[in-house]
């Protein structure tokens, strides 16, 4: 198998750091690009001794020139707390980042993978969500900077493909969890684990009946690598997620039990535009990538809890 030089934008983030490690383990040379807005050097410090790993501080909303064989474009804050903190920069990262990476891929005639999101479906009227569903997104809400930024990035990827024959891959990532999550990112898994480990009240927004589907990060990384290696004719988009559906109440109770916490569950009002349901249809991923998630929620949570015990 030919070894490649691979650029990973957002490589010091939660998912990017796992992808960098996987690509290095396969013998590739990896250039990790990050501006540390939400990523952290601590996520990749254990890779720094590897002579085939390079860490570059750079913001993808500005052009970047390098000679590589493949690009994984992951750069973008992905949790509501972070992407709403600087909404304009979030849009710039999605849109200008896509333009800059697509331009680089065009010049080098290489494949580029876009890490899109289930948020392109908004608060869905179709359940479970299939790739052909156009979504139900509020274009002027507080989450729009992320939802519409990612939707625009998908548009750009398709148009660069149609107009300039750029070799593109688009995946839509559903809720993912695992080690290297930021404890302060406001995501439900990290929130519940941190609160439970501190024996604080576990906060559920809404009545706890809203559902999410959670995939462990190793399953996602496997799908990303498989997607990159598909035939050039397959562009996606393709859903990558775990179709196992859990209510927030079920998740909270599972985490309290696994941590042996004394926490109690409390309820607060649901945030604006928060989706009530989220579940992927992964038939396309099964067919094209021969992929489906392997890690059960309980097993993945145990590993994630162990990680959080070390850092909080």
C-alpha atoms as a PDB file:
ATOM      1  CA  UNK A   1       0.000   0.000   0.000  1.00  0.00           C
ATOM      2  CA  UNK A   2       1.440   3.330  -1.089  1.00  0.00           C
ATOM      3  CA  UNK A   3       2.256   5.744   1.755  1.00  0.00           C
ATOM      4  CA  UNK A   4       0.808   9.215   1.346  1.00  0.00           C
ATOM      5  CA  UNK A   5       1.381  12.742   2.565  1.00  0.00           C
ATOM      6  CA  UNK A   6      -1.965  13.816   4.033  1.00  0.00           C
ATOM      7  CA  UNK A   7      -3.231  17.213   5.207  1.00  0.00           C
ATOM      8  CA  UNK A   8      -5.769  17.192   8.051  1.00  0.00           C
ATOM      9  CA  UNK A   9      -7.337  20.588   8.779  1.00  0.00           C
ATOM     10  CA  UNK A  10      -8.690  20.850  12.313  1.00  0.00           C
ATOM     11  CA  UNK A  11      -6.268  18.038  13.121  1.00  0.00           C
ATOM     12  CA  UNK A  12      -5.795  19.019  16.764  1.00  0.00           C
ATOM     13  CA  UNK A  13      -9.533  18.829  17.423  1.00  0.00           C
ATOM     14  CA  UNK A  14     -11.461  15.965  18.982  1.00  0.00           C
ATOM     15  CA  UNK A  15     -12.080  13.989  15.768  1.00  0.00           C
ATOM     16  CA  UNK A  16      -9.041  15.303  13.878  1.00  0.00           C
ATOM     17  CA  UNK A  17      -6.598  14.074  16.520  1.00  0.00           C
ATOM     18  CA  UNK A  18      -7.969  10.523  16.258  1.00  0.00           C
ATOM     19  CA  UNK A  19      -7.794  10.687  12.458  1.00  0.00           C
ATOM     20  CA  UNK A  20      -4.161  11.930  12.538  1.00  0.00           C
ATOM     21  CA  UNK A  21      -3.211   9.030  14.807  1.00  0.00           C
ATOM     22  CA  UNK A  22      -4.929   6.485  12.564  1.00  0.00           C
ATOM     23  CA  UNK A  23      -3.256   7.838   9.402  1.00  0.00           C
ATOM     24  CA  UNK A  24       0.171   7.833  11.083  1.00  0.00           C
ATOM     25  CA  UNK A  25      -0.346   4.265  12.299  1.00  0.00           C
ATOM     26  CA  UNK A  26      -0.928   3.271   8.677  1.00  0.00           C
ATOM     27  CA  UNK A  27       2.528   4.661   7.828  1.00  0.00           C
ATOM     28  CA  UNK A  28       1.484   7.937   6.205  1.00  0.00           C
ATOM     29  CA  UNK A  29       3.033  11.374   6.641  1.00  0.00           C
ATOM     30  CA  UNK A  30       0.513  13.720   8.295  1.00  0.00           C
ATOM     31  CA  UNK A  31       0.424  17.514   8.317  1.00  0.00           C
ATOM     32  CA  UNK A  32      -1.969  18.654  11.050  1.00  0.00           C
ATOM     33  CA  UNK A  33      -3.336  22.182  10.535  1.00  0.00           C
ATOM     34  CA  UNK A  34      -5.125  23.942  13.402  1.00  0.00           C
ATOM     35  CA  UNK A  35      -5.551  27.451  14.844  1.00  0.00           C
ATOM     36  CA  UNK A  36      -6.522  26.077  18.313  1.00  0.00           C
ATOM     37  CA  UNK A  37      -9.859  27.919  18.413  1.00  0.00           C
ATOM     38  CA  UNK A  38     -11.396  24.689  19.704  1.00  0.00           C
ATOM     39  CA  UNK A  39      -8.580  22.211  19.037  1.00  0.00           C
ATOM     40  CA  UNK A  40      -5.769  21.677  21.525  1.00  0.00           C
ATOM     41  CA  UNK A  41      -2.096  20.770  21.306  1.00  0.00           C
ATOM     42  CA  UNK A  42      -2.685  18.361  24.180  1.00  0.00           C
ATOM     43  CA  UNK A  43      -4.749  16.188  21.809  1.00  0.00           C
ATOM     44  CA  UNK A  44      -1.751  15.584  19.537  1.00  0.00           C
ATOM     45  CA  UNK A  45       1.261  16.097  21.831  1.00  0.00           C
ATOM     46  CA  UNK A  46       1.786  12.330  21.997  1.00  0.00           C
ATOM     47  CA  UNK A  47       2.264  12.341  18.200  1.00  0.00           C
ATOM     48  CA  UNK A  48       4.953  15.045  18.194  1.00  0.00           C
ATOM     49  CA  UNK A  49       7.825  12.576  18.536  1.00  0.00           C
ATOM     50  CA  UNK A  50       6.801  10.878  15.306  1.00  0.00           C
ATOM     51  CA  UNK A  51       9.083  12.219  12.532  1.00  0.00           C
ATOM     52  CA  UNK A  52       6.238  11.838  10.032  1.00  0.00           C
ATOM     53  CA  UNK A  53       3.913  14.146  11.965  1.00  0.00           C
ATOM     54  CA  UNK A  54       3.968  17.908  11.483  1.00  0.00           C
ATOM     55  CA  UNK A  55       1.877  20.463  13.375  1.00  0.00           C
ATOM     56  CA  UNK A  56       1.146  23.814  11.720  1.00  0.00           C
ATOM     57  CA  UNK A  57      -0.701  26.705  13.348  1.00  0.00           C
ATOM     58  CA  UNK A  58      -2.937  28.187  10.672  1.00  0.00           C
ATOM     59  CA  UNK A  59      -6.512  29.396  10.144  1.00  0.00           C
ATOM     60  CA  UNK A  60      -8.132  27.714   7.115  1.00  0.00           C
ATOM     61  CA  UNK A  61     -10.136  30.834   6.321  1.00  0.00           C
ATOM     62  CA  UNK A  62      -6.820  32.130   4.890  1.00  0.00           C
ATOM     63  CA  UNK A  63      -5.129  30.431   1.903  1.00  0.00           C
ATOM     64  CA  UNK A  64      -2.573  27.705   2.601  1.00  0.00           C
ATOM     65  CA  UNK A  65      -0.149  26.202   0.119  1.00  0.00           C
ATOM     66  CA  UNK A  66       1.509  22.808   0.459  1.00  0.00           C
ATOM     67  CA  UNK A  67       2.228  19.694  -1.617  1.00  0.00           C
ATOM     68  CA  UNK A  68       0.158  16.740  -0.380  1.00  0.00           C
ATOM     69  CA  UNK A  69      -1.629  13.657  -1.751  1.00  0.00           C
ATOM     70  CA  UNK A  70      -4.961  13.975   0.098  1.00  0.00           C
ATOM     71  CA  UNK A  71      -6.883  16.487   2.211  1.00  0.00           C
ATOM     72  CA  UNK A  72      -9.324  15.831   5.063  1.00  0.00           C
ATOM     73  CA  UNK A  73     -11.123  19.116   5.784  1.00  0.00           C
ATOM     74  CA  UNK A  74     -12.367  18.987   9.391  1.00  0.00           C
ATOM     75  CA  UNK A  75     -11.651  22.557  10.520  1.00  0.00           C
ATOM     76  CA  UNK A  76     -14.707  24.159  12.142  1.00  0.00           C
ATOM     77  CA  UNK A  77     -15.998  24.580  15.700  1.00  0.00           C
ATOM     78  CA  UNK A  78     -18.687  21.921  16.109  1.00  0.00           C
ATOM     79  CA  UNK A  79     -20.391  22.488  19.449  1.00  0.00           C
ATOM     80  CA  UNK A  80     -23.082  25.170  19.944  1.00  0.00           C
ATOM     81  CA  UNK A  81     -21.148  26.983  22.694  1.00  0.00           C
ATOM     82  CA  UNK A  82     -18.090  27.356  20.462  1.00  0.00           C
ATOM     83  CA  UNK A  83     -19.694  28.050  17.096  1.00  0.00           C
ATOM     84  CA  UNK A  84     -22.085  30.644  18.586  1.00  0.00           C
ATOM     85  CA  UNK A  85     -19.220  32.352  20.444  1.00  0.00           C
ATOM     86  CA  UNK A  86     -17.984  33.838  17.146  1.00  0.00           C
ATOM     87  CA  UNK A  87     -20.734  33.143  14.622  1.00  0.00           C
ATOM     88  CA  UNK A  88     -19.157  35.152  11.794  1.00  0.00           C
ATOM     89  CA  UNK A  89     -15.846  33.334  12.139  1.00  0.00           C
ATOM     90  CA  UNK A  90     -17.737  30.012  12.128  1.00  0.00           C
ATOM     91  CA  UNK A  91     -19.281  30.848   8.738  1.00  0.00           C
ATOM     92  CA  UNK A  92     -15.915  32.043   7.432  1.00  0.00           C
ATOM     93  CA  UNK A  93     -14.237  28.829   8.570  1.00  0.00           C
ATOM     94  CA  UNK A  94     -16.826  26.679   6.797  1.00  0.00           C
ATOM     95  CA  UNK A  95     -17.076  28.718   3.593  1.00  0.00           C
ATOM     96  CA  UNK A  96     -13.599  30.207   3.106  1.00  0.00           C
ATOM     97  CA  UNK A  97     -12.029  27.040   4.490  1.00  0.00           C
ATOM     98  CA  UNK A  98     -13.879  25.003   1.856  1.00  0.00           C
ATOM     99  CA  UNK A  99     -12.862  27.410  -0.926  1.00  0.00           C
ATOM    100  CA  UNK A 100      -9.202  27.348   0.153  1.00  0.00           C
ATOM    101  CA  UNK A 101      -9.003  23.555   0.480  1.00  0.00           C
ATOM    102  CA  UNK A 102     -10.910  22.985  -2.770  1.00  0.00           C
ATOM    103  CA  UNK A 103      -8.555  25.403  -4.534  1.00  0.00           C
ATOM    104  CA  UNK A 104      -5.572  23.483  -3.177  1.00  0.00           C
ATOM    105  CA  UNK A 105      -7.090  20.141  -4.242  1.00  0.00           C
ATOM    106  CA  UNK A 106      -7.800  21.554  -7.702  1.00  0.00           C
ATOM    107  CA  UNK A 107      -4.205  22.751  -8.142  1.00  0.00           C
ATOM    108  CA  UNK A 108      -2.761  19.436  -6.962  1.00  0.00           C
ATOM    109  CA  UNK A 109      -5.412  17.258  -8.663  1.00  0.00           C
ATOM    110  CA  UNK A 110      -6.021  15.306  -5.427  1.00  0.00           C
ATOM    111  CA  UNK A 111      -8.972  14.055  -3.385  1.00  0.00           C
ATOM    112  CA  UNK A 112     -10.458  16.243  -0.655  1.00  0.00           C
ATOM    113  CA  UNK A 113     -12.921  15.025   1.976  1.00  0.00           C
ATOM    114  CA  UNK A 114     -15.384  17.411   3.605  1.00  0.00           C
ATOM    115  CA  UNK A 115     -16.477  16.645   7.167  1.00  0.00           C
ATOM    116  CA  UNK A 116     -20.064  17.860   6.940  1.00  0.00           C
ATOM    117  CA  UNK A 117     -22.686  17.321   9.596  1.00  0.00           C
ATOM    118  CA  UNK A 118     -26.112  15.947  10.382  1.00  0.00           C
ATOM    119  CA  UNK A 119     -26.969  19.580  11.247  1.00  0.00           C
ATOM    120  CA  UNK A 120     -27.548  20.160   7.505  1.00  0.00           C
ATOM    121  CA  UNK A 121     -30.893  18.387   8.144  1.00  0.00           C
ATOM    122  CA  UNK A 122     -31.839  20.937  10.829  1.00  0.00           C
ATOM    123  CA  UNK A 123     -34.857  19.916  12.937  1.00  0.00           C
ATOM    124  CA  UNK A 124     -35.867  17.115  10.581  1.00  0.00           C
ATOM    125  CA  UNK A 125     -39.372  16.354   9.347  1.00  0.00           C
ATOM    126  CA  UNK A 126     -38.108  13.021   7.963  1.00  0.00           C
ATOM    127  CA  UNK A 127     -37.026  10.271  10.353  1.00  0.00           C
ATOM    128  CA  UNK A 128     -34.568   8.627  10.135  1.00  0.00           C
ATOM    129  CA  UNK A 129     -32.668  11.049   7.911  1.00  0.00           C
ATOM    130  CA  UNK A 130     -31.647   9.913   4.425  1.00  0.00           C
ATOM    131  CA  UNK A 131     -29.078  11.692   2.244  1.00  0.00           C
ATOM    132  CA  UNK A 132     -31.739  12.742  -0.271  1.00  0.00           C
ATOM    133  CA  UNK A 133     -33.613  14.752   2.407  1.00  0.00           C
ATOM    134  CA  UNK A 134     -33.028  18.497   1.973  1.00  0.00           C
ATOM    135  CA  UNK A 135     -33.509  19.400   5.600  1.00  0.00           C
ATOM    136  CA  UNK A 136     -35.510  21.834   7.724  1.00  0.00           C
ATOM    137  CA  UNK A 137     -33.056  24.570   8.706  1.00  0.00           C
ATOM    138  CA  UNK A 138     -33.734  28.035  10.121  1.00  0.00           C
ATOM    139  CA  UNK A 139     -31.458  30.351   8.054  1.00  0.00           C
ATOM    140  CA  UNK A 140     -31.600  33.231  10.572  1.00  0.00           C
ATOM    141  CA  UNK A 141     -31.378  31.453  13.934  1.00  0.00           C
ATOM    142  CA  UNK A 142     -28.577  31.237  16.483  1.00  0.00           C
ATOM    143  CA  UNK A 143     -27.443  27.866  15.083  1.00  0.00           C
ATOM    144  CA  UNK A 144     -27.508  29.063  11.456  1.00  0.00           C
ATOM    145  CA  UNK A 145     -23.827  30.015  11.377  1.00  0.00           C
ATOM    146  CA  UNK A 146     -22.946  26.327  11.688  1.00  0.00           C
ATOM    147  CA  UNK A 147     -25.892  24.716   9.863  1.00  0.00           C
ATOM    148  CA  UNK A 148     -25.847  27.061   6.875  1.00  0.00           C
ATOM    149  CA  UNK A 149     -22.045  27.304   6.835  1.00  0.00           C
ATOM    150  CA  UNK A 150     -21.825  23.534   6.441  1.00  0.00           C
ATOM    151  CA  UNK A 151     -24.626  23.492   3.854  1.00  0.00           C
ATOM    152  CA  UNK A 152     -22.804  26.155   1.831  1.00  0.00           C
ATOM    153  CA  UNK A 153     -19.565  24.145   2.090  1.00  0.00           C
ATOM    154  CA  UNK A 154     -21.366  21.125   0.598  1.00  0.00           C
ATOM    155  CA  UNK A 155     -22.609  23.377  -2.236  1.00  0.00           C
ATOM    156  CA  UNK A 156     -19.070  24.557  -2.911  1.00  0.00           C
ATOM    157  CA  UNK A 157     -17.738  20.993  -2.923  1.00  0.00           C
ATOM    158  CA  UNK A 158     -20.345  19.882  -5.445  1.00  0.00           C
ATOM    159  CA  UNK A 159     -19.800  22.936  -7.663  1.00  0.00           C
ATOM    160  CA  UNK A 160     -16.002  22.548  -7.657  1.00  0.00           C
ATOM    161  CA  UNK A 161     -16.599  18.918  -8.631  1.00  0.00           C
ATOM    162  CA  UNK A 162     -19.043  19.749 -11.444  1.00  0.00           C
ATOM    163  CA  UNK A 163     -17.230  22.830 -12.741  1.00  0.00           C
ATOM    164  CA  UNK A 164     -13.557  21.949 -12.164  1.00  0.00           C
ATOM    165  CA  UNK A 165     -13.596  18.134 -11.855  1.00  0.00           C
ATOM    166  CA  UNK A 166     -12.183  18.275  -8.330  1.00  0.00           C
ATOM    167  CA  UNK A 167     -12.228  14.828  -6.695  1.00  0.00           C
ATOM    168  CA  UNK A 168     -14.479  15.308  -3.670  1.00  0.00           C
ATOM    169  CA  UNK A 169     -15.892  13.207  -0.824  1.00  0.00           C
ATOM    170  CA  UNK A 170     -18.665  14.476   1.488  1.00  0.00           C
ATOM    171  CA  UNK A 171     -19.631  12.756   4.739  1.00  0.00           C
ATOM    172  CA  UNK A 172     -22.348  13.908   7.118  1.00  0.00           C
ATOM    173  CA  UNK A 173     -21.243  13.175  10.670  1.00  0.00           C
ATOM    174  CA  UNK A 174     -23.873  12.411  13.311  1.00  0.00           C
ATOM    175  CA  UNK A 175     -23.277  12.848  17.063  1.00  0.00           C
ATOM    176  CA  UNK A 176     -19.842  11.463  17.920  1.00  0.00           C
ATOM    177  CA  UNK A 177     -18.172  11.016  21.293  1.00  0.00           C
ATOM    178  CA  UNK A 178     -14.950   9.617  22.762  1.00  0.00           C
ATOM    179  CA  UNK A 179     -11.602  10.572  24.331  1.00  0.00           C
ATOM    180  CA  UNK A 180     -10.191  14.048  23.480  1.00  0.00           C
ATOM    181  CA  UNK A 181     -13.610  15.717  23.725  1.00  0.00           C
ATOM    182  CA  UNK A 182     -13.388  19.172  25.239  1.00  0.00           C
ATOM    183  CA  UNK A 183     -14.961  19.054  28.736  1.00  0.00           C
ATOM    184  CA  UNK A 184     -16.377  22.570  28.240  1.00  0.00           C
ATOM    185  CA  UNK A 185     -17.818  22.188  24.739  1.00  0.00           C
ATOM    186  CA  UNK A 186     -21.453  21.960  25.842  1.00  0.00           C
ATOM    187  CA  UNK A 187     -22.120  18.678  24.051  1.00  0.00           C
ATOM    188  CA  UNK A 188     -24.476  16.339  25.785  1.00  0.00           C
ATOM    189  CA  UNK A 189     -22.110  13.372  26.354  1.00  0.00           C
ATOM    190  CA  UNK A 190     -19.274  15.489  27.769  1.00  0.00           C
ATOM    191  CA  UNK A 191     -21.715  17.603  29.819  1.00  0.00           C
ATOM    192  CA  UNK A 192     -23.337  14.568  31.418  1.00  0.00           C
ATOM    193  CA  UNK A 193     -20.013  12.820  32.125  1.00  0.00           C
ATOM    194  CA  UNK A 194     -18.389  15.898  33.703  1.00  0.00           C
ATOM    195  CA  UNK A 195     -21.474  16.618  35.830  1.00  0.00           C
ATOM    196  CA  UNK A 196     -21.735  12.974  36.926  1.00  0.00           C
ATOM    197  CA  UNK A 197     -18.031  12.687  37.814  1.00  0.00           C
ATOM    198  CA  UNK A 198     -18.331  15.847  39.935  1.00  0.00           C
ATOM    199  CA  UNK A 199     -21.570  14.575  41.550  1.00  0.00           C
ATOM    200  CA  UNK A 200     -23.295  17.723  40.296  1.00  0.00           C
ATOM    201  CA  UNK A 201     -26.879  17.842  39.030  1.00  0.00           C
ATOM    202  CA  UNK A 202     -27.092  16.361  35.516  1.00  0.00           C
ATOM    203  CA  UNK A 203     -28.869  18.959  33.379  1.00  0.00           C
ATOM    204  CA  UNK A 204     -31.343  17.849  30.734  1.00  0.00           C
ATOM    205  CA  UNK A 205     -32.758  20.535  28.437  1.00  0.00           C
ATOM    206  CA  UNK A 206     -36.416  19.941  27.613  1.00  0.00           C
ATOM    207  CA  UNK A 207     -38.306  16.957  29.009  1.00  0.00           C
ATOM    208  CA  UNK A 208     -35.615  14.398  28.133  1.00  0.00           C
ATOM    209  CA  UNK A 209     -37.643  12.659  25.424  1.00  0.00           C
ATOM    210  CA  UNK A 210     -35.675  14.179  22.531  1.00  0.00           C
ATOM    211  CA  UNK A 211     -33.418  11.595  20.915  1.00  0.00           C
ATOM    212  CA  UNK A 212     -29.876  11.422  19.554  1.00  0.00           C
ATOM    213  CA  UNK A 213     -27.793   8.681  17.977  1.00  0.00           C
ATOM    214  CA  UNK A 214     -24.248   8.411  19.319  1.00  0.00           C
ATOM    215  CA  UNK A 215     -21.269   6.908  17.506  1.00  0.00           C
ATOM    216  CA  UNK A 216     -17.866   6.220  19.031  1.00  0.00           C
ATOM    217  CA  UNK A 217     -15.030   8.151  17.401  1.00  0.00           C
ATOM    218  CA  UNK A 218     -13.127   5.020  16.223  1.00  0.00           C
ATOM    219  CA  UNK A 219     -16.138   3.979  14.134  1.00  0.00           C
ATOM    220  CA  UNK A 220     -16.254   7.430  12.525  1.00  0.00           C
ATOM    221  CA  UNK A 221     -12.527   7.451  11.687  1.00  0.00           C
ATOM    222  CA  UNK A 222     -12.846   4.020  10.068  1.00  0.00           C
ATOM    223  CA  UNK A 223     -15.666   5.365   7.874  1.00  0.00           C
ATOM    224  CA  UNK A 224     -13.655   8.480   6.924  1.00  0.00           C
ATOM    225  CA  UNK A 225     -10.700   6.425   5.733  1.00  0.00           C
ATOM    226  CA  UNK A 226     -12.997   4.085   3.804  1.00  0.00           C
ATOM    227  CA  UNK A 227     -14.776   7.045   2.217  1.00  0.00           C
ATOM    228  CA  UNK A 228     -11.490   8.594   1.092  1.00  0.00           C
ATOM    229  CA  UNK A 229     -10.519   5.296  -0.544  1.00  0.00           C
ATOM    230  CA  UNK A 230     -13.729   4.893  -2.563  1.00  0.00           C
ATOM    231  CA  UNK A 231     -13.766   5.204  -6.328  1.00  0.00           C
ATOM    232  CA  UNK A 232     -13.550   8.787  -7.629  1.00  0.00           C
ATOM    233  CA  UNK A 233     -17.048   8.493  -9.095  1.00  0.00           C
ATOM    234  CA  UNK A 234     -18.601   8.310  -5.599  1.00  0.00           C
ATOM    235  CA  UNK A 235     -18.776  11.790  -4.072  1.00  0.00           C
ATOM    236  CA  UNK A 236     -21.419  11.306  -1.388  1.00  0.00           C
ATOM    237  CA  UNK A 237     -22.861  12.891   0.630  1.00  0.00           C
ATOM    238  CA  UNK A 238     -23.072   9.862   2.882  1.00  0.00           C
ATOM    239  CA  UNK A 239     -24.382   9.662   6.458  1.00  0.00           C
ATOM    240  CA  UNK A 240     -21.894   8.403   9.039  1.00  0.00           C
ATOM    241  CA  UNK A 241     -23.510   7.693  12.381  1.00  0.00           C
ATOM    242  CA  UNK A 242     -24.910   5.071  14.692  1.00  0.00           C
ATOM    243  CA  UNK A 243     -28.601   4.367  14.096  1.00  0.00           C
ATOM    244  CA  UNK A 244     -29.078   3.270  17.721  1.00  0.00           C
ATOM    245  CA  UNK A 245     -31.432   5.942  19.108  1.00  0.00           C
ATOM    246  CA  UNK A 246     -31.479   7.008  22.765  1.00  0.00           C
ATOM    247  CA  UNK A 247     -33.446   9.633  24.663  1.00  0.00           C
ATOM    248  CA  UNK A 248     -31.546  12.178  26.728  1.00  0.00           C
ATOM    249  CA  UNK A 249     -33.064  10.617  29.838  1.00  0.00           C
ATOM    250  CA  UNK A 250     -31.728   7.155  28.903  1.00  0.00           C
ATOM    251  CA  UNK A 251     -28.270   8.599  28.237  1.00  0.00           C
ATOM    252  CA  UNK A 252     -28.189  10.517  31.528  1.00  0.00           C
ATOM    253  CA  UNK A 253     -29.224   7.458  33.544  1.00  0.00           C
ATOM    254  CA  UNK A 254     -26.649   5.267  31.779  1.00  0.00           C
ATOM    255  CA  UNK A 255     -23.816   7.734  32.524  1.00  0.00           C
ATOM    256  CA  UNK A 256     -24.875   8.157  36.183  1.00  0.00           C
ATOM    257  CA  UNK A 257     -24.845   4.367  36.545  1.00  0.00           C
ATOM    258  CA  UNK A 258     -21.477   3.881  34.799  1.00  0.00           C
ATOM    259  CA  UNK A 259     -19.782   6.595  36.889  1.00  0.00           C
ATOM    260  CA  UNK A 260     -21.371   5.469  40.163  1.00  0.00           C
ATOM    261  CA  UNK A 261     -22.413   9.087  40.590  1.00  0.00           C
ATOM    262  CA  UNK A 262     -24.648  10.570  43.273  1.00  0.00           C
ATOM    263  CA  UNK A 263     -25.944  13.127  40.758  1.00  0.00           C
ATOM    264  CA  UNK A 264     -29.627  13.898  40.376  1.00  0.00           C
ATOM    265  CA  UNK A 265     -31.272  14.783  37.061  1.00  0.00           C
ATOM    266  CA  UNK A 266     -32.749  18.285  36.695  1.00  0.00           C
ATOM    267  CA  UNK A 267     -34.662  19.782  33.749  1.00  0.00           C
ATOM    268  CA  UNK A 268     -34.245  23.162  32.046  1.00  0.00           C
ATOM    269  CA  UNK A 269     -35.958  24.799  29.035  1.00  0.00           C
ATOM    270  CA  UNK A 270     -34.997  23.533  25.560  1.00  0.00           C
ATOM    271  CA  UNK A 271     -32.671  25.903  23.601  1.00  0.00           C
ATOM    272  CA  UNK A 272     -33.898  27.571  20.387  1.00  0.00           C
ATOM    273  CA  UNK A 273     -33.914  25.396  17.240  1.00  0.00           C
ATOM    274  CA  UNK A 274     -32.665  22.348  19.141  1.00  0.00           C
ATOM    275  CA  UNK A 275     -33.643  19.287  17.029  1.00  0.00           C
ATOM    276  CA  UNK A 276     -36.147  16.900  18.661  1.00  0.00           C
ATOM    277  CA  UNK A 277     -34.895  13.824  16.818  1.00  0.00           C
ATOM    278  CA  UNK A 278     -31.646  12.799  15.205  1.00  0.00           C
ATOM    279  CA  UNK A 279     -31.062   9.383  13.664  1.00  0.00           C
ATOM    280  CA  UNK A 280     -29.147   8.462  10.515  1.00  0.00           C
ATOM    281  CA  UNK A 281     -30.209   6.105   7.789  1.00  0.00           C
ATOM    282  CA  UNK A 282     -26.855   4.406   6.995  1.00  0.00           C
ATOM    283  CA  UNK A 283     -27.890   2.121   4.129  1.00  0.00           C
ATOM    284  CA  UNK A 284     -25.693   4.079   1.688  1.00  0.00           C
ATOM    285  CA  UNK A 285     -22.645   3.744   3.969  1.00  0.00           C
ATOM    286  CA  UNK A 286     -23.281   0.009   4.273  1.00  0.00           C
ATOM    287  CA  UNK A 287     -23.537  -0.337   0.497  1.00  0.00           C
ATOM    288  CA  UNK A 288     -20.686   1.936  -0.643  1.00  0.00           C
ATOM    289  CA  UNK A 289     -18.232   1.686   2.278  1.00  0.00           C
ATOM    290  CA  UNK A 290     -19.110  -1.749   3.619  1.00  0.00           C
ATOM    291  CA  UNK A 291     -19.281   0.070   6.957  1.00  0.00           C
ATOM    292  CA  UNK A 292     -21.464   0.111  10.018  1.00  0.00           C
ATOM    293  CA  UNK A 293     -20.639   1.096  13.615  1.00  0.00           C
ATOM    294  CA  UNK A 294     -19.185  -1.638  15.820  1.00  0.00           C
ATOM    295  CA  UNK A 295     -18.833   0.003  19.268  1.00  0.00           C
ATOM    296  CA  UNK A 296     -21.854  -0.241  21.567  1.00  0.00           C
ATOM    297  CA  UNK A 297     -22.822   2.933  23.442  1.00  0.00           C
ATOM    298  CA  UNK A 298     -22.076   1.476  26.875  1.00  0.00           C
ATOM    299  CA  UNK A 299     -18.600   0.254  25.819  1.00  0.00           C
ATOM    300  CA  UNK A 300     -17.704   3.591  24.256  1.00  0.00           C
ATOM    301  CA  UNK A 301     -18.962   5.519  27.272  1.00  0.00           C
ATOM    302  CA  UNK A 302     -16.727   3.460  29.588  1.00  0.00           C
ATOM    303  CA  UNK A 303     -13.633   4.496  27.540  1.00  0.00           C
ATOM    304  CA  UNK A 304     -14.787   8.115  27.399  1.00  0.00           C
ATOM    305  CA  UNK A 305     -15.430   8.246  31.163  1.00  0.00           C
ATOM    306  CA  UNK A 306     -11.905   6.901  31.793  1.00  0.00           C
ATOM    307  CA  UNK A 307     -10.498   9.737  29.686  1.00  0.00           C
ATOM    308  CA  UNK A 308     -12.489  12.394  31.572  1.00  0.00           C
ATOM    309  CA  UNK A 309     -11.418  10.987  34.935  1.00  0.00           C
ATOM    310  CA  UNK A 310      -7.820  11.860  33.983  1.00  0.00           C
ATOM    311  CA  UNK A 311      -8.454  15.435  32.874  1.00  0.00           C
ATOM    312  CA  UNK A 312     -11.025  16.922  35.263  1.00  0.00           C
END
